[in-house]
Amino acid sequence: MWCVLPATFPENYELIIHDPSRPKFVISYPCSLLNLIIKDHYTNDQYHELVDKDKHIYEIRSENSIFFF
């Protein structure tokens, strides 16, 4: 997957913050962007977990097990 990015593409991106206690914040731009796209388009919102067997009550939750580091 990384072969589609040019070699000069920055892996880490540094954000400058005006708070003196935290002067900078570093993110891995490609991984963050890929995680956001995966979350938005490939999260399964249809997990139904049986909570009460007698009353047939299900809890609906979302799950996504794909993340880039």
N, C-alpha and C. Protein backbone atom coordinates (compact mmCIF):
# COMPACT_ATOMS: atom_id res chain seq x y z
N MET A 1 0.82 -1.19 0.00
CA MET A 1 0.00 0.00 0.00
C MET A 1 0.86 1.26 0.00
N TRP A 2 2.00 1.20 0.68
CA TRP A 2 2.83 2.39 0.78
C TRP A 2 3.52 2.74 -0.54
N CYS A 3 3.51 1.85 -1.50
CA CYS A 3 4.17 2.13 -2.76
C CYS A 3 3.46 3.22 -3.56
N VAL A 4 2.23 3.57 -3.23
CA VAL A 4 1.51 4.60 -3.96
C VAL A 4 1.91 6.01 -3.51
N LEU A 5 2.64 6.13 -2.41
CA LEU A 5 3.08 7.44 -1.93
C LEU A 5 4.49 7.72 -2.45
N PRO A 6 4.75 8.95 -2.87
CA PRO A 6 6.11 9.27 -3.32
C PRO A 6 7.09 9.22 -2.15
N ALA A 7 8.34 9.00 -2.44
CA ALA A 7 9.37 8.88 -1.41
C ALA A 7 9.52 10.17 -0.61
N THR A 8 9.18 11.30 -1.19
CA THR A 8 9.31 12.59 -0.50
C THR A 8 8.10 12.91 0.37
N PHE A 9 7.09 12.07 0.36
CA PHE A 9 5.90 12.32 1.17
C PHE A 9 6.23 12.19 2.65
N PRO A 10 5.88 13.20 3.48
CA PRO A 10 6.25 13.12 4.90
C PRO A 10 5.41 12.08 5.64
N GLU A 11 6.09 11.20 6.36
CA GLU A 11 5.38 10.19 7.13
C GLU A 11 4.78 10.80 8.39
N ASN A 12 5.56 11.60 9.07
CA ASN A 12 5.08 12.28 10.28
C ASN A 12 4.89 13.76 9.99
N TYR A 13 3.84 14.31 10.54
CA TYR A 13 3.52 15.71 10.34
C TYR A 13 3.47 16.38 11.70
N GLU A 14 4.17 17.46 11.85
CA GLU A 14 4.27 18.16 13.14
C GLU A 14 3.35 19.38 13.14
N LEU A 15 2.44 19.42 14.10
CA LEU A 15 1.55 20.56 14.26
C LEU A 15 2.10 21.45 15.37
N ILE A 16 2.19 22.74 15.09
CA ILE A 16 2.68 23.69 16.07
C ILE A 16 1.46 24.20 16.85
N ILE A 17 1.55 24.12 18.19
CA ILE A 17 0.44 24.53 19.06
C ILE A 17 0.90 25.74 19.87
N HIS A 18 0.00 26.66 20.11
CA HIS A 18 0.35 27.88 20.83
C HIS A 18 0.33 27.71 22.34
N ASP A 19 0.12 26.52 22.83
CA ASP A 19 0.15 26.23 24.27
C ASP A 19 1.58 25.93 24.67
N PRO A 20 2.19 26.73 25.56
CA PRO A 20 3.59 26.52 25.92
C PRO A 20 3.87 25.16 26.58
N SER A 21 2.88 24.59 27.24
CA SER A 21 3.11 23.29 27.88
C SER A 21 3.17 22.16 26.85
N ARG A 22 2.57 22.36 25.69
CA ARG A 22 2.62 21.37 24.61
C ARG A 22 2.92 22.11 23.31
N PRO A 23 4.18 22.44 23.05
CA PRO A 23 4.50 23.28 21.90
C PRO A 23 4.30 22.62 20.54
N LYS A 24 4.28 21.28 20.50
CA LYS A 24 4.07 20.62 19.21
C LYS A 24 3.34 19.30 19.40
N PHE A 25 2.70 18.87 18.32
CA PHE A 25 1.95 17.63 18.32
C PHE A 25 2.27 16.91 17.02
N VAL A 26 2.76 15.68 17.10
CA VAL A 26 3.20 14.94 15.91
C VAL A 26 2.20 13.83 15.62
N ILE A 27 1.77 13.75 14.35
CA ILE A 27 0.89 12.67 13.92
C ILE A 27 1.52 11.97 12.73
N SER A 28 1.17 10.71 12.57
CA SER A 28 1.57 9.97 11.37
C SER A 28 0.47 10.20 10.35
N TYR A 29 0.70 11.12 9.45
CA TYR A 29 -0.34 11.55 8.52
C TYR A 29 -0.94 10.41 7.69
N PRO A 30 -0.14 9.58 7.00
CA PRO A 30 -0.74 8.52 6.18
C PRO A 30 -1.58 7.54 7.01
N CYS A 31 -1.08 7.14 8.17
CA CYS A 31 -1.83 6.20 9.01
C CYS A 31 -3.11 6.82 9.53
N SER A 32 -3.04 8.07 9.94
CA SER A 32 -4.24 8.75 10.45
C SER A 32 -5.30 8.87 9.37
N LEU A 33 -4.88 9.23 8.20
CA LEU A 33 -5.83 9.38 7.10
C LEU A 33 -6.43 8.03 6.71
N LEU A 34 -5.60 7.00 6.63
CA LEU A 34 -6.12 5.67 6.31
C LEU A 34 -7.08 5.17 7.38
N ASN A 35 -6.77 5.39 8.65
CA ASN A 35 -7.66 4.98 9.73
C ASN A 35 -9.00 5.70 9.64
N LEU A 36 -8.99 6.97 9.32
CA LEU A 36 -10.23 7.73 9.19
C LEU A 36 -11.08 7.20 8.05
N ILE A 37 -10.46 6.93 6.92
CA ILE A 37 -11.20 6.41 5.76
C ILE A 37 -11.77 5.02 6.07
N ILE A 38 -10.97 4.16 6.69
CA ILE A 38 -11.43 2.82 7.06
C ILE A 38 -12.59 2.92 8.04
N LYS A 39 -12.48 3.78 9.04
CA LYS A 39 -13.56 3.94 10.03
C LYS A 39 -14.84 4.41 9.37
N ASP A 40 -14.73 5.40 8.50
CA ASP A 40 -15.92 5.98 7.87
C ASP A 40 -16.61 5.03 6.89
N HIS A 41 -15.82 4.22 6.18
CA HIS A 41 -16.40 3.42 5.10
C HIS A 41 -16.51 1.93 5.38
N TYR A 42 -15.78 1.42 6.36
CA TYR A 42 -15.74 -0.03 6.54
C TYR A 42 -16.07 -0.51 7.95
N THR A 43 -16.64 0.35 8.78
CA THR A 43 -17.06 -0.08 10.11
C THR A 43 -18.38 -0.83 9.98
N ASN A 44 -18.45 -1.97 10.62
CA ASN A 44 -19.67 -2.76 10.59
C ASN A 44 -20.58 -2.29 11.72
N ASP A 45 -21.72 -1.69 11.38
CA ASP A 45 -22.67 -1.16 12.35
C ASP A 45 -23.77 -2.16 12.70
N GLN A 46 -23.59 -3.40 12.36
CA GLN A 46 -24.67 -4.37 12.49
C GLN A 46 -24.37 -5.51 13.46
N TYR A 47 -23.50 -5.29 14.42
CA TYR A 47 -23.25 -6.32 15.42
C TYR A 47 -24.39 -6.31 16.43
N HIS A 48 -25.09 -7.43 16.56
CA HIS A 48 -26.17 -7.58 17.54
C HIS A 48 -25.74 -8.61 18.57
N GLU A 49 -25.66 -8.18 19.80
CA GLU A 49 -25.24 -9.08 20.87
C GLU A 49 -26.42 -9.31 21.81
N LEU A 50 -26.73 -10.58 22.05
CA LEU A 50 -27.84 -10.94 22.93
C LEU A 50 -27.51 -10.58 24.37
N VAL A 51 -28.33 -9.71 24.97
CA VAL A 51 -28.10 -9.27 26.33
C VAL A 51 -29.04 -9.98 27.31
N ASP A 52 -30.28 -10.16 26.90
CA ASP A 52 -31.27 -10.83 27.74
C ASP A 52 -31.92 -11.95 26.93
N LYS A 53 -31.56 -13.17 27.26
CA LYS A 53 -32.04 -14.32 26.50
C LYS A 53 -33.54 -14.53 26.65
N ASP A 54 -34.09 -14.30 27.84
CA ASP A 54 -35.52 -14.52 28.07
C ASP A 54 -36.40 -13.50 27.36
N LYS A 55 -35.98 -12.25 27.35
CA LYS A 55 -36.78 -11.18 26.72
C LYS A 55 -36.37 -10.92 25.27
N HIS A 56 -35.35 -11.61 24.81
CA HIS A 56 -34.82 -11.45 23.43
C HIS A 56 -34.41 -10.00 23.17
N ILE A 57 -33.62 -9.46 24.06
CA ILE A 57 -33.13 -8.09 23.91
C ILE A 57 -31.69 -8.15 23.42
N TYR A 58 -31.44 -7.38 22.36
CA TYR A 58 -30.11 -7.33 21.75
C TYR A 58 -29.53 -5.93 21.89
N GLU A 59 -28.23 -5.89 22.06
CA GLU A 59 -27.52 -4.62 22.07
C GLU A 59 -26.83 -4.49 20.72
N ILE A 60 -27.02 -3.36 20.07
CA ILE A 60 -26.43 -3.12 18.76
C ILE A 60 -25.17 -2.27 18.95
N ARG A 61 -24.08 -2.69 18.33
CA ARG A 61 -22.82 -1.96 18.44
C ARG A 61 -22.10 -1.98 17.11
N SER A 62 -21.16 -1.08 16.99
CA SER A 62 -20.31 -1.00 15.80
C SER A 62 -18.95 -1.57 16.12
N GLU A 63 -18.30 -2.14 15.12
CA GLU A 63 -16.97 -2.69 15.34
C GLU A 63 -16.15 -2.56 14.07
N ASN A 64 -14.88 -2.27 14.29
CA ASN A 64 -13.93 -2.19 13.19
C ASN A 64 -12.62 -2.75 13.72
N SER A 65 -12.08 -3.74 13.07
CA SER A 65 -10.86 -4.38 13.56
C SER A 65 -9.65 -4.11 12.65
N ILE A 66 -9.78 -3.16 11.73
CA ILE A 66 -8.67 -2.84 10.83
C ILE A 66 -8.14 -1.45 11.19
N PHE A 67 -6.86 -1.39 11.58
CA PHE A 67 -6.23 -0.13 11.89
C PHE A 67 -4.81 -0.14 11.37
N PHE A 68 -4.33 1.01 10.96
CA PHE A 68 -2.96 1.14 10.46
C PHE A 68 -2.12 1.84 11.53
N PHE A 69 -0.90 1.33 11.76
CA PHE A 69 -0.01 1.90 12.77
C PHE A 69 1.24 2.43 12.12
